[in-house]
């Protein structure tokens, strides 16, 4: 039975056995260099005193590497497992971690400080409480987490997480937003082009009264109508709305775009947003939902309200998650898992470059393709 010993260490084990610390270290790290009898003595004494071996994290840090990357999320940690688009992206990042034997440390962009423990190569661990943002976000504990680089996934323009990451002087890859900058690599899609494509599609069908259901447009959590002159803090949403207006105008549509904001991107939020939007603006003939999650909720609420889609109202989404095709949703497809994989591989390359002592090259921007899938939820207005 091991005897718990708070002072058990490699040094105390070596002294107890009258061996060098190098020999004891080899028993744990390079056992092939230690004779069988000596190895058996060392492991038996280690078990007796409750010593489990050298601290892996400490050894990695002494080598100047953590063999882990950070992933800063848009919001609280459950978001990564509840939002289908985020799940696809996370799968791509996890794939690259598995390929390279690195761990993945997940951080919410608005968390407080906390600690996590590694669970091995290619593993996922989380740091910090899943604290919802209320007003301005606090800086996540990037300064206390052992990582070699960080992926920042879709955060607002004003959030301090990028400054915290830059202060660490580690490689940074931003996904989606903020947009490309000189201090980090960037991976995403052309979100303005997404909006333009949707606007052109709706204008060609003849729609002139168009609504938008958007997830939170700023760090403040609110639900309700958005003033026309409001400028979203989130670059992706800003670009999609600007693009929608441009696409409508390019085809001669003088459509007034009405925006309904919801705190989160979920089916429940989409349902509530659709009901509120149609109650305030019953003459709308098309609704552009800035995510498929919102669009699926809008479709469900339209059915509950007896509103025919697309006969009375057309509905369009973004992402092309798995359920979108099943319900016939017209949407913009983006390569969600590929986005995570591209971001992961780009970060791994930057980390390897840094560990090899090379000078970092200029920041890269990888723009991934999108595709409009016209299905059964859009049609000319009746």
Protein backbone atom coordinates (compact mmCIF):
# COMPACT_ATOMS: atom_id res chain seq x y z
CA UNK A 1 0.00 0.00 0.00
CA UNK A 2 1.54 3.37 -0.98
CA UNK A 3 2.28 5.67 1.90
CA UNK A 4 1.14 9.24 1.13
CA UNK A 5 4.08 11.58 1.55
CA UNK A 6 3.81 15.26 0.80
CA UNK A 7 7.61 15.55 0.57
CA UNK A 8 8.07 12.55 -1.74
CA UNK A 9 10.26 13.61 -4.65
CA UNK A 10 12.80 12.27 -7.09
CA UNK A 11 15.56 13.54 -4.79
CA UNK A 12 14.17 11.87 -1.64
CA UNK A 13 13.69 8.64 -3.59
CA UNK A 14 17.30 8.73 -4.82
CA UNK A 15 18.60 9.36 -1.30
CA UNK A 16 16.53 6.53 0.17
CA UNK A 17 18.00 4.10 -2.35
CA UNK A 18 21.51 5.61 -2.33
CA UNK A 19 21.30 6.16 -6.09
CA UNK A 20 22.02 9.16 -8.28
CA UNK A 21 19.10 11.37 -9.29
CA UNK A 22 20.02 10.66 -12.93
CA UNK A 23 19.47 6.92 -12.42
CA UNK A 24 16.12 7.47 -10.72
CA UNK A 25 15.06 9.91 -13.43
CA UNK A 26 15.95 7.36 -16.11
CA UNK A 27 13.78 4.78 -14.36
CA UNK A 28 10.74 6.96 -15.13
CA UNK A 29 11.78 8.55 -18.40
CA UNK A 30 14.21 6.10 -20.04
CA UNK A 31 13.72 2.74 -18.27
CA UNK A 32 15.70 0.91 -20.96
CA UNK A 33 18.85 2.58 -19.59
CA UNK A 34 18.39 1.09 -16.11
CA UNK A 35 19.18 -2.51 -15.12
CA UNK A 36 16.20 -4.71 -14.37
CA UNK A 37 17.06 -5.23 -10.69
CA UNK A 38 17.70 -1.52 -10.08
CA UNK A 39 14.53 -0.55 -11.95
CA UNK A 40 12.50 -2.93 -9.79
CA UNK A 41 13.99 -1.45 -6.59
CA UNK A 42 13.23 2.10 -7.69
CA UNK A 43 9.62 1.40 -8.68
CA UNK A 44 8.93 -0.58 -5.51
CA UNK A 45 10.27 2.19 -3.25
CA UNK A 46 8.42 4.84 -5.28
CA UNK A 47 5.15 2.98 -4.73
CA UNK A 48 5.90 2.60 -1.02
CA UNK A 49 6.42 6.32 -0.46
CA UNK A 50 3.65 7.41 -2.84
CA UNK A 51 5.86 9.00 -5.52
CA UNK A 52 4.30 8.77 -9.00
CA UNK A 53 7.18 10.19 -11.03
CA UNK A 54 8.41 13.54 -12.35
CA UNK A 55 5.76 16.18 -13.05
CA UNK A 56 5.06 16.08 -16.78
CA UNK A 57 3.95 19.71 -17.02
CA UNK A 58 7.03 20.94 -15.16
CA UNK A 59 9.30 18.90 -17.42
CA UNK A 60 7.61 20.29 -20.51
CA UNK A 61 7.96 23.86 -19.27
CA UNK A 62 11.65 23.31 -18.51
CA UNK A 63 11.99 22.31 -22.16
CA UNK A 64 10.28 25.56 -23.15
CA UNK A 65 7.08 23.91 -24.40
CA UNK A 66 3.74 22.84 -22.97
CA UNK A 67 2.61 20.51 -25.78
CA UNK A 68 -0.82 22.11 -25.47
CA UNK A 69 -2.75 24.82 -27.30
CA UNK A 70 -5.46 27.11 -26.00
CA UNK A 71 -8.88 27.66 -27.56
CA UNK A 72 -10.67 30.82 -26.47
CA UNK A 73 -14.39 30.56 -27.17
CA UNK A 74 -16.97 33.19 -27.94
CA UNK A 75 -18.81 32.71 -24.68
CA UNK A 76 -19.27 30.28 -21.81
CA UNK A 77 -17.87 26.77 -22.25
CA UNK A 78 -21.22 24.98 -22.83
CA UNK A 79 -21.50 26.96 -26.08
CA UNK A 80 -18.87 24.68 -27.66
CA UNK A 81 -21.05 21.63 -27.11
CA UNK A 82 -24.52 23.11 -27.71
CA UNK A 83 -24.01 25.12 -30.91
CA UNK A 84 -23.79 22.80 -33.93
CA UNK A 85 -21.50 25.12 -35.86
CA UNK A 86 -19.12 25.34 -32.89
CA UNK A 87 -19.20 21.54 -32.51
CA UNK A 88 -18.09 21.12 -36.13
CA UNK A 89 -15.31 23.66 -35.70
CA UNK A 90 -14.14 22.06 -32.45
CA UNK A 91 -13.97 18.66 -34.15
CA UNK A 92 -11.56 20.10 -36.70
CA UNK A 93 -9.30 21.59 -34.02
CA UNK A 94 -9.39 18.37 -32.00
CA UNK A 95 -8.38 16.44 -35.11
CA UNK A 96 -5.16 18.47 -35.45
CA UNK A 97 -4.40 18.02 -31.74
CA UNK A 98 -4.72 14.28 -32.15
CA UNK A 99 -2.48 14.35 -35.22
CA UNK A 100 0.27 16.21 -33.37
CA UNK A 101 -0.12 14.69 -29.88
CA UNK A 102 -0.96 18.01 -28.25
CA UNK A 103 -3.60 18.74 -25.64
CA UNK A 104 -6.38 21.27 -26.06
CA UNK A 105 -7.15 23.76 -23.27
CA UNK A 106 -10.58 25.37 -23.63
CA UNK A 107 -11.16 28.87 -22.26
CA UNK A 108 -14.35 30.97 -22.31
CA UNK A 109 -13.64 34.51 -23.45
CA UNK A 110 -15.34 35.98 -20.38
CA UNK A 111 -14.22 33.56 -17.68
CA UNK A 112 -12.63 34.27 -14.38
CA UNK A 113 -9.41 32.60 -13.35
CA UNK A 114 -9.20 28.92 -12.67
CA UNK A 115 -7.04 25.87 -13.11
CA UNK A 116 -7.14 22.71 -15.11
CA UNK A 117 -5.24 19.46 -15.26
CA UNK A 118 -3.89 17.66 -18.27
CA UNK A 119 -5.32 14.34 -19.27
CA UNK A 120 -2.71 13.34 -21.84
CA UNK A 121 -1.89 13.71 -25.51
CA UNK A 122 -4.67 14.87 -27.78
CA UNK A 123 -6.86 15.56 -24.76
CA UNK A 124 -9.32 18.34 -23.96
CA UNK A 125 -9.24 20.22 -20.69
CA UNK A 126 -11.07 23.34 -19.59
CA UNK A 127 -9.97 26.27 -17.50
CA UNK A 128 -12.12 28.81 -15.71
CA UNK A 129 -15.77 29.01 -14.73
CA UNK A 130 -18.41 29.05 -17.42
CA UNK A 131 -19.47 32.57 -16.49
CA UNK A 132 -21.90 34.35 -18.83
CA UNK A 133 -20.75 37.74 -20.07
CA UNK A 134 -22.42 40.65 -18.39
CA UNK A 135 -21.33 43.90 -19.92
CA UNK A 136 -17.58 44.03 -20.52
CA UNK A 137 -15.76 40.71 -20.49
CA UNK A 138 -12.97 40.02 -18.03
CA UNK A 139 -9.59 38.83 -19.26
CA UNK A 140 -9.38 35.03 -19.33
CA UNK A 141 -6.52 33.43 -17.41
CA UNK A 142 -4.17 33.20 -20.40
CA UNK A 143 -1.29 34.37 -18.23
CA UNK A 144 -1.59 31.35 -15.95
CA UNK A 145 -2.22 28.56 -18.46
CA UNK A 146 0.61 26.45 -19.89
CA UNK A 147 0.07 26.63 -23.66
CA UNK A 148 2.33 27.03 -26.69
CA UNK A 149 -0.18 28.98 -28.79
CA UNK A 150 -3.84 29.95 -28.89
CA UNK A 151 -6.81 29.91 -31.24
CA UNK A 152 -9.27 32.74 -30.58
CA UNK A 153 -12.69 31.72 -31.88
CA UNK A 154 -15.07 34.45 -32.88
CA UNK A 155 -14.85 37.21 -30.25
CA UNK A 156 -15.94 40.82 -30.33
CA UNK A 157 -13.83 43.76 -31.44
CA UNK A 158 -13.58 45.19 -27.92
CA UNK A 159 -12.83 42.09 -25.90
CA UNK A 160 -9.38 42.17 -24.20
CA UNK A 161 -8.51 38.55 -24.91
CA UNK A 162 -6.30 39.35 -27.91
CA UNK A 163 -4.20 41.77 -25.87
CA UNK A 164 -3.83 39.09 -23.20
CA UNK A 165 -2.71 36.59 -25.82
CA UNK A 166 -0.24 39.04 -27.39
CA UNK A 167 1.24 39.74 -23.96
CA UNK A 168 2.19 36.05 -23.78
CA UNK A 169 4.21 36.39 -27.01
CA UNK A 170 2.85 33.10 -28.29
CA UNK A 171 1.45 32.33 -31.77
CA UNK A 172 -2.17 33.41 -32.26
CA UNK A 173 -4.73 32.30 -34.84
CA UNK A 174 -8.03 34.19 -34.90
CA UNK A 175 -11.04 32.42 -36.40
CA UNK A 176 -13.88 34.49 -37.88
CA UNK A 177 -13.52 37.64 -35.81
CA UNK A 178 -11.99 40.12 -35.28
CA UNK A 179 -10.88 40.22 -38.88
CA UNK A 180 -7.30 39.80 -40.09
CA UNK A 181 -4.60 41.87 -38.38
CA UNK A 182 -0.78 42.12 -38.45
CA UNK A 183 -0.33 40.45 -35.04
CA UNK A 184 -2.16 37.21 -35.74
CA UNK A 185 -3.03 34.70 -38.45
CA UNK A 186 -6.69 34.56 -39.46
CA UNK A 187 -9.03 31.86 -40.77
CA UNK A 188 -12.61 32.45 -41.81
CA UNK A 189 -15.05 33.10 -44.64
CA UNK A 190 -16.00 36.26 -46.51
CA UNK A 191 -18.98 37.19 -44.37
CA UNK A 192 -19.84 40.27 -46.39
CA UNK A 193 -20.03 38.07 -49.48
CA UNK A 194 -22.35 35.75 -47.54
CA UNK A 195 -24.72 38.64 -46.91
CA UNK A 196 -24.45 39.85 -50.51
CA UNK A 197 -25.33 36.37 -51.81
CA UNK A 198 -28.40 36.16 -49.58
CA UNK A 199 -29.47 39.71 -50.51
CA UNK A 200 -29.13 38.99 -54.22
CA UNK A 201 -31.07 35.74 -53.90
CA UNK A 202 -33.94 37.43 -52.07
CA UNK A 203 -33.95 40.44 -54.42
CA UNK A 204 -34.07 38.18 -57.48
CA UNK A 205 -37.11 36.47 -55.97
CA UNK A 206 -38.76 39.89 -55.57
CA UNK A 207 -38.55 40.43 -51.80
CA UNK A 208 -38.58 44.06 -50.63
CA UNK A 209 -39.52 43.67 -46.97
CA UNK A 210 -36.73 41.74 -45.29
CA UNK A 211 -36.06 41.03 -41.62
CA UNK A 212 -32.96 39.74 -39.86
CA UNK A 213 -32.69 37.60 -36.72
CA UNK A 214 -29.22 38.05 -35.23
CA UNK A 215 -27.45 36.65 -32.18
CA UNK A 216 -26.03 39.14 -29.68
CA UNK A 217 -24.57 42.13 -31.53
CA UNK A 218 -22.57 43.49 -28.58
CA UNK A 219 -21.25 42.34 -25.22
CA UNK A 220 -24.47 43.53 -23.57
CA UNK A 221 -27.05 40.77 -23.33
CA UNK A 222 -30.36 41.95 -24.74
CA UNK A 223 -33.35 40.81 -26.76
CA UNK A 224 -35.34 43.13 -28.97
CA UNK A 225 -35.36 45.38 -32.03
CA UNK A 226 -32.11 46.96 -33.19
CA UNK A 227 -31.94 50.62 -34.26
CA UNK A 228 -31.00 51.05 -37.91
CA UNK A 229 -27.89 53.09 -37.04
CA UNK A 230 -26.57 50.53 -34.50
CA UNK A 231 -23.06 49.22 -35.29
CA UNK A 232 -22.49 45.62 -34.12
CA UNK A 233 -19.36 44.92 -32.05
CA UNK A 234 -18.94 41.58 -33.83
CA UNK A 235 -17.28 41.81 -37.24
CA UNK A 236 -18.97 38.70 -38.66
CA UNK A 237 -22.48 39.93 -37.92
CA UNK A 238 -21.64 43.46 -39.04
CA UNK A 239 -20.33 42.16 -42.37
CA UNK A 240 -23.31 39.87 -43.01
CA UNK A 241 -25.82 42.64 -42.38
CA UNK A 242 -23.86 45.14 -44.53
CA UNK A 243 -23.62 42.53 -47.26
CA UNK A 244 -27.34 41.78 -47.15
CA UNK A 245 -28.15 45.45 -47.68
CA UNK A 246 -25.62 45.69 -50.50
CA UNK A 247 -26.95 42.57 -52.20
CA UNK A 248 -30.52 43.82 -52.07
CA UNK A 249 -29.52 47.25 -53.39
CA UNK A 250 -27.41 45.76 -56.21
CA UNK A 251 -30.56 44.27 -57.72
CA UNK A 252 -32.59 47.43 -57.39
CA UNK A 253 -34.40 46.45 -54.23
CA UNK A 254 -35.19 49.33 -51.90
CA UNK A 255 -35.86 46.89 -49.07
CA UNK A 256 -35.78 48.24 -45.55
CA UNK A 257 -33.90 45.73 -43.41
CA UNK A 258 -35.37 45.25 -39.93
CA UNK A 259 -33.19 43.54 -37.30
CA UNK A 260 -34.27 41.56 -34.23
CA UNK A 261 -31.49 40.71 -31.76
CA UNK A 262 -31.40 37.64 -29.51
CA UNK A 263 -28.96 36.98 -26.66
CA UNK A 264 -27.73 33.65 -28.03
CA UNK A 265 -27.78 31.63 -31.23
CA UNK A 266 -30.17 28.75 -30.55
CA UNK A 267 -33.40 27.29 -31.90
CA UNK A 268 -35.31 28.66 -28.91
CA UNK A 269 -33.88 32.12 -29.56
CA UNK A 270 -34.74 31.85 -33.25
CA UNK A 271 -38.33 30.94 -32.43
CA UNK A 272 -38.71 33.88 -30.04
CA UNK A 273 -36.98 36.23 -32.46
CA UNK A 274 -39.23 35.22 -35.35
CA UNK A 275 -42.39 35.70 -33.30
CA UNK A 276 -41.25 39.13 -32.12
CA UNK A 277 -40.14 40.21 -35.59
CA UNK A 278 -43.41 39.21 -37.26
CA UNK A 279 -45.51 40.74 -34.48
CA UNK A 280 -43.75 44.09 -34.95
CA UNK A 281 -43.48 43.89 -38.75
CA UNK A 282 -46.26 41.64 -40.10
CA UNK A 283 -45.65 42.76 -43.70
CA UNK A 284 -42.21 41.12 -43.88
CA UNK A 285 -41.90 38.59 -46.69
CA UNK A 286 -38.39 37.22 -45.96
CA UNK A 287 -36.23 36.63 -42.89
CA UNK A 288 -32.46 36.15 -42.97
CA UNK A 289 -31.29 34.29 -39.86
CA UNK A 290 -27.57 34.76 -39.20
CA UNK A 291 -27.17 31.11 -38.18
CA UNK A 292 -28.95 27.86 -38.99
CA UNK A 293 -29.76 27.38 -35.31
CA UNK A 294 -31.82 30.59 -35.41
CA UNK A 295 -33.37 29.60 -38.74
CA UNK A 296 -34.49 26.19 -37.47
CA UNK A 297 -36.20 27.90 -34.54
CA UNK A 298 -37.84 30.40 -36.88
CA UNK A 299 -39.18 27.57 -39.05
CA UNK A 300 -40.63 25.80 -36.02
CA UNK A 301 -42.33 28.95 -34.73
CA UNK A 302 -43.71 29.77 -38.19
CA UNK A 303 -45.37 26.35 -38.26
CA UNK A 304 -46.81 26.91 -34.77
CA UNK A 305 -48.21 30.30 -35.86
CA UNK A 306 -49.67 28.90 -39.08
CA UNK A 307 -47.37 31.04 -41.23
CA UNK A 308 -46.63 29.26 -44.49
CA UNK A 309 -42.93 28.96 -45.46
CA UNK A 310 -42.13 29.89 -48.17
CA UNK A 311 -45.61 30.92 -49.36
CA UNK A 312 -46.03 33.72 -46.81
CA UNK A 313 -42.43 34.19 -45.60
CA UNK A 314 -39.11 32.96 -46.95
CA UNK A 315 -36.41 31.95 -44.45
CA UNK A 316 -32.63 31.72 -45.05
CA UNK A 317 -29.88 30.55 -42.69
CA UNK A 318 -26.08 30.33 -42.55
CA UNK A 319 -23.78 27.34 -41.81
CA UNK A 320 -25.55 24.35 -43.44
CA UNK A 321 -25.44 22.24 -40.30
CA UNK A 322 -26.59 18.63 -40.58
CA UNK A 323 -30.29 19.28 -39.93
CA UNK A 324 -30.53 22.09 -42.49
CA UNK A 325 -30.80 19.81 -45.51
CA UNK A 326 -33.26 17.50 -43.76
CA UNK A 327 -35.78 20.34 -43.29
CA UNK A 328 -35.14 21.88 -46.71
CA UNK A 329 -33.57 25.07 -45.35
CA UNK A 330 -32.11 27.47 -47.88
CA UNK A 331 -28.74 28.35 -46.39
CA UNK A 332 -25.12 29.30 -46.98
CA UNK A 333 -22.76 26.39 -46.41
CA UNK A 334 -19.42 27.03 -44.77
CA UNK A 335 -16.78 24.31 -44.13
CA UNK A 336 -17.07 24.19 -40.33
CA UNK A 337 -14.83 21.22 -39.56
CA UNK A 338 -12.32 22.23 -42.21
CA UNK A 339 -12.17 25.68 -40.63
CA UNK A 340 -11.12 24.13 -37.31
CA UNK A 341 -8.57 21.89 -39.01
CA UNK A 342 -7.05 24.75 -41.03
CA UNK A 343 -6.80 26.92 -37.91
CA UNK A 344 -5.25 24.08 -35.93
CA UNK A 345 -2.66 23.21 -38.55
CA UNK A 346 -1.74 26.84 -39.07
CA UNK A 347 -1.19 27.26 -35.32
CA UNK A 348 0.82 24.02 -35.07
CA UNK A 349 3.08 25.21 -37.89
CA UNK A 350 3.64 28.53 -36.11
CA UNK A 351 4.44 26.74 -32.85
CA UNK A 352 6.91 24.37 -34.54
CA UNK A 353 8.51 27.34 -36.30
CA UNK A 354 8.92 29.14 -32.96
CA UNK A 355 10.31 26.10 -31.14
CA UNK A 356 12.84 25.62 -33.93
CA UNK A 357 14.07 29.18 -33.37
CA UNK A 358 12.90 30.49 -36.73
CA UNK A 359 11.74 34.03 -37.39
CA UNK A 360 7.96 34.23 -37.86
CA UNK A 361 6.80 35.17 -41.33
CA UNK A 362 4.08 37.73 -42.06
CA UNK A 363 0.57 37.11 -40.80
CA UNK A 364 -1.53 34.88 -43.02
CA UNK A 365 -5.24 35.10 -43.85
CA UNK A 366 -7.03 31.96 -45.07
CA UNK A 367 -10.43 32.64 -46.65
CA UNK A 368 -12.51 29.47 -47.01
CA UNK A 369 -15.22 28.95 -49.65
CA UNK A 370 -18.97 29.19 -49.12
CA UNK A 371 -21.91 27.89 -51.16
CA UNK A 372 -25.56 28.94 -51.38
CA UNK A 373 -27.92 25.97 -51.24
CA UNK A 374 -31.37 26.98 -52.48
CA UNK A 375 -33.91 24.58 -51.02
CA UNK A 376 -37.59 24.74 -50.13
CA UNK A 377 -37.75 27.64 -47.65
CA UNK A 378 -37.37 30.47 -50.17
CA UNK A 379 -39.70 31.48 -53.01
CA UNK A 380 -41.10 34.67 -54.57
CA UNK A 381 -43.43 36.61 -52.25
CA UNK A 382 -47.09 35.83 -52.75
